[in-house]
All heavy atoms as atom14 arrays in JSON, in Angstrom:
{
  "sequence": "AHRRRPGMAIGNVTAAREAAGGVGAAAAPESAGGEPACMLG",
  "atom14_mask": [
    [1, 1, 1, 1, 1, 0, 0, 0, 0, 0, 0, 0, 0, 0],
    [1, 1, 1, 1, 1, 1, 1, 1, 1, 1, 0, 0, 0, 0],
    [1, 1, 1, 1, 1, 1, 1, 1, 1, 1, 1, 0, 0, 0],
    [1, 1, 1, 1, 1, 1, 1, 1, 1, 1, 1, 0, 0, 0],
    [1, 1, 1, 1, 1, 1, 1, 1, 1, 1, 1, 0, 0, 0],
    [1, 1, 1, 1, 1, 1, 1, 0, 0, 0, 0, 0, 0, 0],
    [1, 1, 1, 1, 0, 0, 0, 0, 0, 0, 0, 0, 0, 0],
    [1, 1, 1, 1, 1, 1, 1, 1, 0, 0, 0, 0, 0, 0],
    [1, 1, 1, 1, 1, 0, 0, 0, 0, 0, 0, 0, 0, 0],
    [1, 1, 1, 1, 1, 1, 1, 1, 0, 0, 0, 0, 0, 0],
    [1, 1, 1, 1, 0, 0, 0, 0, 0, 0, 0, 0, 0, 0],
    [1, 1, 1, 1, 1, 1, 1, 1, 0, 0, 0, 0, 0, 0],
    [1, 1, 1, 1, 1, 1, 1, 0, 0, 0, 0, 0, 0, 0],
    [1, 1, 1, 1, 1, 1, 1, 0, 0, 0, 0, 0, 0, 0],
    [1, 1, 1, 1, 1, 0, 0, 0, 0, 0, 0, 0, 0, 0],
    [1, 1, 1, 1, 1, 0, 0, 0, 0, 0, 0, 0, 0, 0],
    [1, 1, 1, 1, 1, 1, 1, 1, 1, 1, 1, 0, 0, 0],
    [1, 1, 1, 1, 1, 1, 1, 1, 1, 0, 0, 0, 0, 0],
    [1, 1, 1, 1, 1, 0, 0, 0, 0, 0, 0, 0, 0, 0],
    [1, 1, 1, 1, 1, 0, 0, 0, 0, 0, 0, 0, 0, 0],
    [1, 1, 1, 1, 0, 0, 0, 0, 0, 0, 0, 0, 0, 0],
    [1, 1, 1, 1, 0, 0, 0, 0, 0, 0, 0, 0, 0, 0],
    [1, 1, 1, 1, 1, 1, 1, 0, 0, 0, 0, 0, 0, 0],
    [1, 1, 1, 1, 0, 0, 0, 0, 0, 0, 0, 0, 0, 0],
    [1, 1, 1, 1, 1, 0, 0, 0, 0, 0, 0, 0, 0, 0],
    [1, 1, 1, 1, 1, 0, 0, 0, 0, 0, 0, 0, 0, 0],
    [1, 1, 1, 1, 1, 0, 0, 0, 0, 0, 0, 0, 0, 0],
    [1, 1, 1, 1, 1, 0, 0, 0, 0, 0, 0, 0, 0, 0],
    [1, 1, 1, 1, 1, 1, 1, 0, 0, 0, 0, 0, 0, 0],
    [1, 1, 1, 1, 1, 1, 1, 1, 1, 0, 0, 0, 0, 0],
    [1, 1, 1, 1, 1, 1, 0, 0, 0, 0, 0, 0, 0, 0],
    [1, 1, 1, 1, 1, 0, 0, 0, 0, 0, 0, 0, 0, 0],
    [1, 1, 1, 1, 0, 0, 0, 0, 0, 0, 0, 0, 0, 0],
    [1, 1, 1, 1, 0, 0, 0, 0, 0, 0, 0, 0, 0, 0],
    [1, 1, 1, 1, 1, 1, 1, 1, 1, 0, 0, 0, 0, 0],
    [1, 1, 1, 1, 1, 1, 1, 0, 0, 0, 0, 0, 0, 0],
    [1, 1, 1, 1, 1, 0, 0, 0, 0, 0, 0, 0, 0, 0],
    [1, 1, 1, 1, 1, 1, 0, 0, 0, 0, 0, 0, 0, 0],
    [1, 1, 1, 1, 1, 1, 1, 1, 0, 0, 0, 0, 0, 0],
    [1, 1, 1, 1, 1, 1, 1, 1, 0, 0, 0, 0, 0, 0],
    [1, 1, 1, 1, 0, 0, 0, 0, 0, 0, 0, 0, 0, 0]
  ],
  "atom14_positions": [
    [[15.76, 25.17, -13.53], [15.14, 25.43, -12.21], [13.83, 24.69, -12.16], [13.08, 24.65, -13.17], [14.91, 26.93, -12.02], [0.0, 0.0, 0.0], [0.0, 0.0, 0.0], [0.0, 0.0, 0.0], [0.0, 0.0, 0.0], [0.0, 0.0, 0.0], [0.0, 0.0, 0.0], [0.0, 0.0, 0.0], [0.0, 0.0, 0.0], [0.0, 0.0, 0.0]],
    [[13.57, 24.03, -11.04], [12.3, 23.35, -10.82], [12.05, 23.22, -9.34], [12.95, 23.42, -8.53], [12.3, 21.97, -11.51], [13.39, 21.09, -11.1], [13.39, 20.36, -9.93], [14.59, 20.76, -11.67], [14.48, 19.63, -9.85], [15.24, 19.88, -10.85], [0.0, 0.0, 0.0], [0.0, 0.0, 0.0], [0.0, 0.0, 0.0], [0.0, 0.0, 0.0]],
    [[10.84, 22.82, -9.0], [10.48, 22.6, -7.6], [11.39, 21.46, -7.09], [11.7, 20.51, -7.77], [9.02, 22.15, -7.55], [8.52, 21.84, -6.18], [7.04, 21.48, -6.18], [6.64, 20.64, -7.28], [6.62, 19.27, -7.25], [6.96, 18.63, -6.21], [6.25, 18.61, -8.31], [0.0, 0.0, 0.0], [0.0, 0.0, 0.0], [0.0, 0.0, 0.0]],
    [[11.79, 21.59, -5.85], [12.66, 20.6, -5.23], [11.85, 19.33, -4.94], [10.71, 19.4, -4.49], [13.23, 21.13, -3.93], [14.25, 20.19, -3.32], [14.89, 20.84, -2.11], [15.93, 19.92, -1.62], [16.28, 19.88, -0.36], [15.74, 20.66, 0.5], [17.18, 18.98, 0.02], [0.0, 0.0, 0.0], [0.0, 0.0, 0.0], [0.0, 0.0, 0.0]],
    [[12.48, 18.18, -5.2], [11.86, 16.93, -4.87], [11.88, 16.71, -3.36], [12.88, 17.05, -2.71], [12.62, 15.77, -5.55], [12.49, 15.75, -7.02], [13.24, 14.53, -7.57], [13.29, 14.59, -8.98], [12.28, 14.24, -9.77], [11.18, 13.8, -9.25], [12.42, 14.3, -11.06], [0.0, 0.0, 0.0], [0.0, 0.0, 0.0], [0.0, 0.0, 0.0]],
    [[10.86, 16.11, -2.79], [10.91, 15.89, -1.37], [11.92, 14.77, -1.02], [12.12, 13.85, -1.82], [9.48, 15.41, -1.03], [8.96, 14.86, -2.29], [9.64, 15.63, -3.4], [0.0, 0.0, 0.0], [0.0, 0.0, 0.0], [0.0, 0.0, 0.0], [0.0, 0.0, 0.0], [0.0, 0.0, 0.0], [0.0, 0.0, 0.0], [0.0, 0.0, 0.0]],
    [[12.54, 14.89, 0.14], [13.44, 13.84, 0.6], [12.66, 12.72, 1.22], [11.47, 12.82, 1.48], [0.0, 0.0, 0.0], [0.0, 0.0, 0.0], [0.0, 0.0, 0.0], [0.0, 0.0, 0.0], [0.0, 0.0, 0.0], [0.0, 0.0, 0.0], [0.0, 0.0, 0.0], [0.0, 0.0, 0.0], [0.0, 0.0, 0.0], [0.0, 0.0, 0.0]],
    [[13.32, 11.6, 1.47], [12.67, 10.45, 2.1], [12.34, 10.81, 3.56], [13.16, 11.35, 4.26], [13.57, 9.23, 2.05], [12.97, 8.0, 2.66], [11.48, 7.55, 1.79], [12.07, 6.17, 0.82], [0.0, 0.0, 0.0], [0.0, 0.0, 0.0], [0.0, 0.0, 0.0], [0.0, 0.0, 0.0], [0.0, 0.0, 0.0], [0.0, 0.0, 0.0]],
    [[11.13, 10.48, 3.97], [10.7, 10.74, 5.34], [9.81, 9.6, 5.79], [9.2, 8.94, 4.96], [9.94, 12.05, 5.41], [0.0, 0.0, 0.0], [0.0, 0.0, 0.0], [0.0, 0.0, 0.0], [0.0, 0.0, 0.0], [0.0, 0.0, 0.0], [0.0, 0.0, 0.0], [0.0, 0.0, 0.0], [0.0, 0.0, 0.0], [0.0, 0.0, 0.0]],
    [[9.74, 9.4, 7.09], [8.92, 8.32, 7.64], [7.48, 8.43, 7.17], [6.85, 7.49, 6.82], [8.98, 8.33, 9.19], [10.39, 8.08, 9.66], [7.99, 7.3, 9.77], [10.96, 6.74, 9.28], [0.0, 0.0, 0.0], [0.0, 0.0, 0.0], [0.0, 0.0, 0.0], [0.0, 0.0, 0.0], [0.0, 0.0, 0.0], [0.0, 0.0, 0.0]],
    [[6.98, 9.68, 7.14], [5.59, 9.89, 6.67], [5.38, 9.41, 5.24], [4.36, 8.86, 4.9], [0.0, 0.0, 0.0], [0.0, 0.0, 0.0], [0.0, 0.0, 0.0], [0.0, 0.0, 0.0], [0.0, 0.0, 0.0], [0.0, 0.0, 0.0], [0.0, 0.0, 0.0], [0.0, 0.0, 0.0], [0.0, 0.0, 0.0], [0.0, 0.0, 0.0]],
    [[6.37, 9.62, 4.39], [6.29, 9.17, 2.99], [6.19, 7.65, 2.91], [5.41, 7.11, 2.15], [7.49, 9.64, 2.17], [7.53, 11.1, 1.96], [6.61, 11.87, 2.34], [8.58, 11.58, 1.35], [0.0, 0.0, 0.0], [0.0, 0.0, 0.0], [0.0, 0.0, 0.0], [0.0, 0.0, 0.0], [0.0, 0.0, 0.0], [0.0, 0.0, 0.0]],
    [[6.98, 6.96, 3.71], [7.01, 5.5, 3.72], [5.69, 4.96, 4.22], [5.07, 4.08, 3.6], [8.16, 4.95, 4.58], [8.08, 3.46, 4.71], [9.5, 5.35, 3.98], [0.0, 0.0, 0.0], [0.0, 0.0, 0.0], [0.0, 0.0, 0.0], [0.0, 0.0, 0.0], [0.0, 0.0, 0.0], [0.0, 0.0, 0.0], [0.0, 0.0, 0.0]],
    [[5.2, 5.5, 5.3], [3.93, 5.06, 5.87], [2.78, 5.3, 4.88], [1.97, 4.39, 4.64], [3.63, 5.78, 7.17], [4.73, 5.58, 8.07], [2.34, 5.32, 7.8], [0.0, 0.0, 0.0], [0.0, 0.0, 0.0], [0.0, 0.0, 0.0], [0.0, 0.0, 0.0], [0.0, 0.0, 0.0], [0.0, 0.0, 0.0], [0.0, 0.0, 0.0]],
    [[2.68, 6.47, 4.31], [1.62, 6.79, 3.38], [1.74, 5.88, 2.14], [0.7, 5.4, 1.63], [1.69, 8.25, 2.96], [0.0, 0.0, 0.0], [0.0, 0.0, 0.0], [0.0, 0.0, 0.0], [0.0, 0.0, 0.0], [0.0, 0.0, 0.0], [0.0, 0.0, 0.0], [0.0, 0.0, 0.0], [0.0, 0.0, 0.0], [0.0, 0.0, 0.0]],
    [[2.92, 5.62, 1.66], [3.09, 4.79, 0.51], [2.67, 3.34, 0.79], [1.99, 2.74, -0.05], [4.55, 4.8, 0.04], [0.0, 0.0, 0.0], [0.0, 0.0, 0.0], [0.0, 0.0, 0.0], [0.0, 0.0, 0.0], [0.0, 0.0, 0.0], [0.0, 0.0, 0.0], [0.0, 0.0, 0.0], [0.0, 0.0, 0.0], [0.0, 0.0, 0.0]],
    [[3.02, 2.83, 1.94], [2.6, 1.46, 2.29], [1.1, 1.33, 2.4], [0.52, 0.39, 1.94], [3.28, 1.04, 3.58], [4.71, 0.67, 3.4], [5.31, 0.15, 4.68], [6.67, -0.27, 4.47], [7.56, -0.33, 5.43], [7.24, -0.03, 6.67], [8.8, -0.73, 5.14], [0.0, 0.0, 0.0], [0.0, 0.0, 0.0], [0.0, 0.0, 0.0]],
    [[0.49, 2.35, 3.05], [-0.96, 2.33, 3.2], [-1.64, 2.4, 1.86], [-2.6, 1.66, 1.56], [-1.43, 3.46, 4.09], [-1.09, 3.25, 5.55], [-1.41, 4.48, 6.39], [-1.95, 5.48, 5.85], [-1.09, 4.46, 7.6], [0.0, 0.0, 0.0], [0.0, 0.0, 0.0], [0.0, 0.0, 0.0], [0.0, 0.0, 0.0], [0.0, 0.0, 0.0]],
    [[-1.13, 3.28, 0.96], [-1.72, 3.39, -0.38], [-1.53, 2.13, -1.18], [-2.34, 1.83, -2.08], [-1.11, 4.6, -1.1], [0.0, 0.0, 0.0], [0.0, 0.0, 0.0], [0.0, 0.0, 0.0], [0.0, 0.0, 0.0], [0.0, 0.0, 0.0], [0.0, 0.0, 0.0], [0.0, 0.0, 0.0], [0.0, 0.0, 0.0], [0.0, 0.0, 0.0]],
    [[-0.44, 1.41, -0.95], [-0.14, 0.2, -1.71], [-0.8, -1.03, -1.11], [-0.69, -2.1, -1.66], [1.39, -0.03, -1.76], [0.0, 0.0, 0.0], [0.0, 0.0, 0.0], [0.0, 0.0, 0.0], [0.0, 0.0, 0.0], [0.0, 0.0, 0.0], [0.0, 0.0, 0.0], [0.0, 0.0, 0.0], [0.0, 0.0, 0.0], [0.0, 0.0, 0.0]],
    [[-1.52, -0.9, 0.0], [-2.31, -2.01, 0.5], [-1.85, -2.56, 1.84], [-2.12, -3.68, 2.17], [0.0, 0.0, 0.0], [0.0, 0.0, 0.0], [0.0, 0.0, 0.0], [0.0, 0.0, 0.0], [0.0, 0.0, 0.0], [0.0, 0.0, 0.0], [0.0, 0.0, 0.0], [0.0, 0.0, 0.0], [0.0, 0.0, 0.0], [0.0, 0.0, 0.0]],
    [[-1.1, -1.78, 2.58], [-0.75, -2.22, 3.94], [0.75, -2.33, 4.17], [1.55, -2.08, 3.29], [0.0, 0.0, 0.0], [0.0, 0.0, 0.0], [0.0, 0.0, 0.0], [0.0, 0.0, 0.0], [0.0, 0.0, 0.0], [0.0, 0.0, 0.0], [0.0, 0.0, 0.0], [0.0, 0.0, 0.0], [0.0, 0.0, 0.0], [0.0, 0.0, 0.0]],
    [[1.1, -2.73, 5.38], [2.49, -2.79, 5.83], [3.33, -3.71, 4.98], [4.46, -3.4, 4.68], [2.54, -3.21, 7.32], [3.97, -3.36, 7.79], [1.82, -2.18, 8.18], [0.0, 0.0, 0.0], [0.0, 0.0, 0.0], [0.0, 0.0, 0.0], [0.0, 0.0, 0.0], [0.0, 0.0, 0.0], [0.0, 0.0, 0.0], [0.0, 0.0, 0.0]],
    [[2.81, -4.85, 4.57], [3.62, -5.81, 3.81], [3.64, -5.55, 2.32], [4.17, -6.36, 1.57], [0.0, 0.0, 0.0], [0.0, 0.0, 0.0], [0.0, 0.0, 0.0], [0.0, 0.0, 0.0], [0.0, 0.0, 0.0], [0.0, 0.0, 0.0], [0.0, 0.0, 0.0], [0.0, 0.0, 0.0], [0.0, 0.0, 0.0], [0.0, 0.0, 0.0]],
    [[3.08, -4.45, 1.84], [3.02, -4.21, 0.4], [4.44, -4.07, -0.13], [5.26, -3.39, 0.45], [2.2, -2.98, 0.14], [0.0, 0.0, 0.0], [0.0, 0.0, 0.0], [0.0, 0.0, 0.0], [0.0, 0.0, 0.0], [0.0, 0.0, 0.0], [0.0, 0.0, 0.0], [0.0, 0.0, 0.0], [0.0, 0.0, 0.0], [0.0, 0.0, 0.0]],
    [[4.63, -4.65, -1.31], [5.99, -4.63, -1.9], [6.3, -3.39, -2.65], [7.4, -2.92, -2.68], [6.16, -5.85, -2.82], [0.0, 0.0, 0.0], [0.0, 0.0, 0.0], [0.0, 0.0, 0.0], [0.0, 0.0, 0.0], [0.0, 0.0, 0.0], [0.0, 0.0, 0.0], [0.0, 0.0, 0.0], [0.0, 0.0, 0.0], [0.0, 0.0, 0.0]],
    [[5.33, -2.81, -3.32], [5.61, -1.65, -4.19], [4.82, -0.46, -3.72], [3.67, -0.53, -3.39], [5.21, -1.98, -5.63], [0.0, 0.0, 0.0], [0.0, 0.0, 0.0], [0.0, 0.0, 0.0], [0.0, 0.0, 0.0], [0.0, 0.0, 0.0], [0.0, 0.0, 0.0], [0.0, 0.0, 0.0], [0.0, 0.0, 0.0], [0.0, 0.0, 0.0]],
    [[5.51, 0.69, -3.7], [4.87, 1.96, -3.34], [4.51, 2.7, -4.59], [5.21, 2.59, -5.58], [5.82, 2.77, -2.47], [0.0, 0.0, 0.0], [0.0, 0.0, 0.0], [0.0, 0.0, 0.0], [0.0, 0.0, 0.0], [0.0, 0.0, 0.0], [0.0, 0.0, 0.0], [0.0, 0.0, 0.0], [0.0, 0.0, 0.0], [0.0, 0.0, 0.0]],
    [[3.46, 3.48, -4.58], [3.13, 4.25, -5.76], [4.21, 5.32, -6.02], [4.84, 5.83, -5.11], [1.8, 4.93, -5.4], [1.76, 4.93, -3.89], [2.58, 3.71, -3.46], [0.0, 0.0, 0.0], [0.0, 0.0, 0.0], [0.0, 0.0, 0.0], [0.0, 0.0, 0.0], [0.0, 0.0, 0.0], [0.0, 0.0, 0.0], [0.0, 0.0, 0.0]],
    [[4.39, 5.64, -7.33], [5.45, 6.62, -7.71], [5.16, 7.97, -7.12], [6.07, 8.73, -6.87], [5.54, 6.69, -9.22], [6.13, 5.48, -9.84], [6.31, 5.6, -11.34], [6.52, 6.74, -11.78], [6.24, 4.59, -12.01], [0.0, 0.0, 0.0], [0.0, 0.0, 0.0], [0.0, 0.0, 0.0], [0.0, 0.0, 0.0], [0.0, 0.0, 0.0]],
    [[3.91, 8.33, -6.88], [3.57, 9.67, -6.45], [3.92, 9.91, -4.98], [3.78, 10.98, -4.49], [2.09, 9.91, -6.63], [1.33, 8.99, -5.87], [0.0, 0.0, 0.0], [0.0, 0.0, 0.0], [0.0, 0.0, 0.0], [0.0, 0.0, 0.0], [0.0, 0.0, 0.0], [0.0, 0.0, 0.0], [0.0, 0.0, 0.0], [0.0, 0.0, 0.0]],
    [[4.41, 8.87, -4.27], [4.76, 9.02, -2.85], [5.91, 9.95, -2.66], [6.09, 10.5, -1.58], [5.02, 7.67, -2.21], [0.0, 0.0, 0.0], [0.0, 0.0, 0.0], [0.0, 0.0, 0.0], [0.0, 0.0, 0.0], [0.0, 0.0, 0.0], [0.0, 0.0, 0.0], [0.0, 0.0, 0.0], [0.0, 0.0, 0.0], [0.0, 0.0, 0.0]],
    [[6.82, 10.14, -3.64], [7.97, 11.01, -3.53], [9.1, 10.36, -2.77], [9.05, 9.17, -2.43], [0.0, 0.0, 0.0], [0.0, 0.0, 0.0], [0.0, 0.0, 0.0], [0.0, 0.0, 0.0], [0.0, 0.0, 0.0], [0.0, 0.0, 0.0], [0.0, 0.0, 0.0], [0.0, 0.0, 0.0], [0.0, 0.0, 0.0], [0.0, 0.0, 0.0]],
    [[10.14, 11.11, -2.51], [11.26, 10.59, -1.79], [12.26, 9.93, -2.71], [12.13, 9.96, -3.92], [0.0, 0.0, 0.0], [0.0, 0.0, 0.0], [0.0, 0.0, 0.0], [0.0, 0.0, 0.0], [0.0, 0.0, 0.0], [0.0, 0.0, 0.0], [0.0, 0.0, 0.0], [0.0, 0.0, 0.0], [0.0, 0.0, 0.0], [0.0, 0.0, 0.0]],
    [[13.28, 9.36, -2.12], [14.34, 8.71, -2.88], [14.39, 7.21, -2.55], [13.84, 6.79, -1.57], [15.68, 9.38, -2.61], [16.13, 9.26, -1.21], [17.46, 9.97, -0.98], [17.47, 11.2, -1.07], [18.44, 9.3, -0.71], [0.0, 0.0, 0.0], [0.0, 0.0, 0.0], [0.0, 0.0, 0.0], [0.0, 0.0, 0.0], [0.0, 0.0, 0.0]],
    [[15.01, 6.4, -3.39], [15.1, 4.97, -3.11], [15.83, 4.7, -1.8], [16.61, 5.51, -1.34], [15.92, 4.42, -4.28], [15.93, 5.48, -5.32], [15.64, 6.77, -4.62], [0.0, 0.0, 0.0], [0.0, 0.0, 0.0], [0.0, 0.0, 0.0], [0.0, 0.0, 0.0], [0.0, 0.0, 0.0], [0.0, 0.0, 0.0], [0.0, 0.0, 0.0]],
    [[15.55, 3.56, -1.21], [16.15, 3.23, 0.07], [17.65, 2.96, -0.05], [18.37, 3.12, 0.9], [15.49, 1.98, 0.64], [0.0, 0.0, 0.0], [0.0, 0.0, 0.0], [0.0, 0.0, 0.0], [0.0, 0.0, 0.0], [0.0, 0.0, 0.0], [0.0, 0.0, 0.0], [0.0, 0.0, 0.0], [0.0, 0.0, 0.0], [0.0, 0.0, 0.0]],
    [[18.14, 2.57, -1.21], [19.56, 2.35, -1.38], [20.14, 3.44, -2.3], [19.41, 4.22, -2.88], [19.84, 0.99, -1.96], [19.37, 0.79, -3.67], [0.0, 0.0, 0.0], [0.0, 0.0, 0.0], [0.0, 0.0, 0.0], [0.0, 0.0, 0.0], [0.0, 0.0, 0.0], [0.0, 0.0, 0.0], [0.0, 0.0, 0.0], [0.0, 0.0, 0.0]],
    [[21.46, 3.46, -2.46], [22.09, 4.5, -3.25], [22.41, 4.06, -4.68], [23.02, 4.75, -5.44], [23.38, 4.97, -2.59], [23.12, 5.7, -1.32], [24.42, 6.79, -0.8], [25.37, 7.22, -2.19], [0.0, 0.0, 0.0], [0.0, 0.0, 0.0], [0.0, 0.0, 0.0], [0.0, 0.0, 0.0], [0.0, 0.0, 0.0], [0.0, 0.0, 0.0]],
    [[21.94, 2.87, -5.08], [22.26, 2.39, -6.45], [21.78, 3.37, -7.52], [22.46, 3.49, -8.55], [21.68, 1.0, -6.69], [22.35, -0.12, -5.89], [21.67, -1.45, -6.15], [23.84, -0.19, -6.24], [0.0, 0.0, 0.0], [0.0, 0.0, 0.0], [0.0, 0.0, 0.0], [0.0, 0.0, 0.0], [0.0, 0.0, 0.0], [0.0, 0.0, 0.0]],
    [[20.69, 4.04, -7.3], [20.19, 5.04, -8.26], [21.05, 6.24, -8.39], [20.85, 7.06, -9.29], [0.0, 0.0, 0.0], [0.0, 0.0, 0.0], [0.0, 0.0, 0.0], [0.0, 0.0, 0.0], [0.0, 0.0, 0.0], [0.0, 0.0, 0.0], [0.0, 0.0, 0.0], [0.0, 0.0, 0.0], [0.0, 0.0, 0.0], [0.0, 0.0, 0.0]]
  ]
}
């Protein structure tokens, strides 16, 4: 049993991009939460 991980949300993507340096930033910080954009994981 553990706290549930947050799902991907628009707010998570926006906050991650801003924290990573703007809209064109390639990498989001791990603490942003959510799941990868694709299902390969």
